[in-house]
Amino acid sequence: MKVKEIMTTDVEVTHPDETLQTAARKMRERDIGLLPVTDGDQLTGMLSDRDIILRATAEGMDPKATLGRDLMTSPVITCYADDDVRDAALVMEKNQIRRLAVLDRKEQKLVGIVSLSDIAMTGNYKLSGEVLQHVSEAVEVR
């Protein structure tokens, strides 16, 4: 099974110059926890609800003044729409992440998001369980 068969294609994005408040509103309106950060067609980063809470709010950053570019995670870990779902799952495991930006291989443009829950919905519970186990493992902080 290919990633393009299970990914979400209706992806909300934010611009690097949008504020955290604007990004948070988009997340609330769509009931999502992750926004790709795009500048035109270029995927430049990812911004999560955890980034806003744990990295911005906890540090006292002003959500009306702090821009997405100030907090986004970059470079972005991605996969391709024509990748096998098992390969995408391995990328998630290796990087301990629950969601991947999906790119078109030819144009290198964002075409979707694939999540651990998308993999679970395929019915391959062994694969999704393995990913969840690796994603949930404690990371040594140095």
Protein backbone atom coordinates (compact mmCIF):
# COMPACT_ATOMS: atom_id res chain seq x y z
CA MET A 1 0.00 0.00 0.00
CA LYS A 2 1.26 3.47 -0.90
CA VAL A 3 1.26 6.54 1.35
CA LYS A 4 -0.96 8.42 -1.15
CA GLU A 5 -3.72 5.87 -0.47
CA ILE A 6 -3.98 6.71 3.23
CA MET A 7 -2.68 10.29 3.65
CA THR A 8 -4.75 13.35 4.40
CA THR A 9 -4.71 15.67 1.40
CA ASP A 10 -6.70 18.63 2.74
CA VAL A 11 -3.79 20.13 4.66
CA GLU A 12 -4.02 23.45 6.46
CA VAL A 13 -0.73 25.37 6.39
CA THR A 14 0.73 28.47 7.97
CA HIS A 15 3.18 31.02 6.58
CA PRO A 16 6.51 31.66 8.33
CA ASP A 17 5.46 35.28 8.96
CA GLU A 18 2.12 34.41 10.59
CA THR A 19 1.98 34.75 14.35
CA LEU A 20 1.66 31.87 16.77
CA GLN A 21 -1.78 33.18 17.67
CA THR A 22 -2.90 32.87 14.03
CA ALA A 23 -1.43 29.38 13.81
CA ALA A 24 -3.12 28.34 17.06
CA ARG A 25 -6.47 29.60 15.78
CA LYS A 26 -6.07 27.51 12.61
CA MET A 27 -5.30 24.48 14.75
CA ARG A 28 -8.37 25.08 16.91
CA GLU A 29 -10.68 25.65 13.92
CA ARG A 30 -9.52 22.46 12.18
CA ASP A 31 -9.02 20.42 15.39
CA ILE A 32 -5.45 19.58 14.41
CA GLY A 33 -2.14 19.65 16.25
CA LEU A 34 0.33 20.24 13.43
CA LEU A 35 0.73 22.83 10.68
CA PRO A 36 3.23 22.65 7.87
CA VAL A 37 4.95 26.00 7.42
CA THR A 38 5.07 26.96 3.76
CA ASP A 39 6.40 29.95 1.90
CA GLY A 40 4.69 29.76 -1.47
CA ASP A 41 5.20 26.19 -2.67
CA GLN A 42 8.23 25.66 -0.43
CA LEU A 43 7.82 23.58 2.75
CA THR A 44 10.08 25.34 5.26
CA GLY A 45 9.12 23.83 8.60
CA MET A 46 6.53 22.29 10.90
CA LEU A 47 4.75 23.90 13.83
CA SER A 48 2.93 21.82 16.42
CA ASP A 49 0.58 22.61 19.27
CA ARG A 50 3.29 21.27 21.58
CA ASP A 51 5.78 23.75 20.10
CA ILE A 52 3.41 26.59 20.92
CA ILE A 53 2.77 25.41 24.47
CA LEU A 54 6.08 23.92 25.55
CA ARG A 55 8.51 26.08 23.62
CA ALA A 56 6.69 29.41 23.41
CA THR A 57 4.17 29.76 26.21
CA ALA A 58 6.44 28.12 28.78
CA GLU A 59 9.20 30.58 27.85
CA GLY A 60 6.86 33.58 28.05
CA MET A 61 6.88 34.39 24.33
CA ASP A 62 4.09 36.69 23.15
CA PRO A 63 1.86 34.68 20.75
CA LYS A 64 0.73 37.91 19.08
CA ALA A 65 4.32 38.91 18.29
CA THR A 66 6.17 35.62 17.85
CA LEU A 67 6.22 34.37 14.28
CA GLY A 68 5.99 30.80 13.06
CA ARG A 69 9.51 31.07 11.64
CA ASP A 70 10.78 31.74 15.17
CA LEU A 71 9.48 28.43 16.49
CA MET A 72 9.06 26.03 13.57
CA THR A 73 11.00 22.79 13.41
CA SER A 74 13.28 22.65 10.41
CA PRO A 75 14.42 20.78 8.43
CA VAL A 76 11.21 18.82 7.97
CA ILE A 77 11.22 15.03 8.03
CA THR A 78 9.25 13.88 5.01
CA CYS A 79 8.26 10.97 2.87
CA TYR A 80 6.90 10.71 -0.66
CA ALA A 81 3.36 9.99 -1.78
CA ASP A 82 4.55 6.99 -3.77
CA ASP A 83 6.48 5.48 -0.81
CA ASP A 84 5.27 2.24 0.69
CA VAL A 85 3.41 2.75 3.98
CA ARG A 86 5.93 0.44 5.71
CA ASP A 87 8.78 2.75 4.65
CA ALA A 88 6.95 5.79 6.01
CA ALA A 89 6.36 3.89 9.25
CA LEU A 90 10.09 3.20 9.53
CA VAL A 91 10.82 6.92 9.14
CA MET A 92 8.35 7.65 11.95
CA GLU A 93 9.97 5.01 14.16
CA LYS A 94 13.50 6.20 13.51
CA ASN A 95 12.64 9.83 14.21
CA GLN A 96 10.08 9.16 16.97
CA ILE A 97 7.37 11.21 15.30
CA ARG A 98 3.67 10.54 14.76
CA ARG A 99 3.16 12.52 11.54
CA LEU A 100 5.07 13.04 8.32
CA ALA A 101 4.76 15.68 5.66
CA VAL A 102 4.18 13.98 2.32
CA LEU A 103 5.82 15.38 -0.81
CA ASP A 104 5.32 14.82 -4.50
CA ARG A 105 8.57 13.19 -5.61
CA LYS A 106 8.79 15.06 -8.92
CA GLU A 107 7.82 18.57 -7.83
CA GLN A 108 8.98 18.32 -4.19
CA LYS A 109 5.76 20.05 -3.08
CA LEU A 110 3.61 19.27 -0.05
CA VAL A 111 0.70 17.04 -1.05
CA GLY A 112 -0.43 15.65 2.29
CA ILE A 113 0.21 14.48 5.83
CA VAL A 114 0.37 10.86 6.94
CA SER A 115 -0.09 10.03 10.60
CA LEU A 116 0.24 7.06 12.87
CA SER A 117 -3.56 6.93 13.02
CA ASP A 118 -3.69 6.74 9.20
CA ILE A 119 -1.43 3.68 9.38
CA ALA A 120 -3.61 2.14 12.10
CA MET A 121 -6.69 2.63 9.92
CA THR A 122 -5.16 0.34 7.28
CA GLY A 123 -5.78 -2.55 9.66
CA ASN A 124 -2.10 -3.34 9.95
CA TYR A 125 -2.12 -3.27 13.74
CA LYS A 126 1.25 -4.97 14.02
CA LEU A 127 2.91 -2.20 12.01
CA SER A 128 1.08 0.64 13.78
CA GLY A 129 1.81 -0.95 17.16
CA GLU A 130 5.51 -1.17 16.37
CA VAL A 131 5.59 2.48 15.31
CA LEU A 132 3.71 3.55 18.43
CA GLN A 133 6.11 1.59 20.63
CA HIS A 134 9.19 3.23 19.09
CA VAL A 135 7.64 6.71 18.96
CA SER A 136 6.71 6.46 22.64
CA GLU A 137 10.13 5.32 23.86
CA ALA A 138 11.86 7.77 26.17
CA VAL A 139 14.52 9.89 24.56
CA GLU A 140 17.69 10.53 26.53
CA VAL A 141 18.03 14.26 27.15
CA ARG A 142 21.56 15.58 27.28
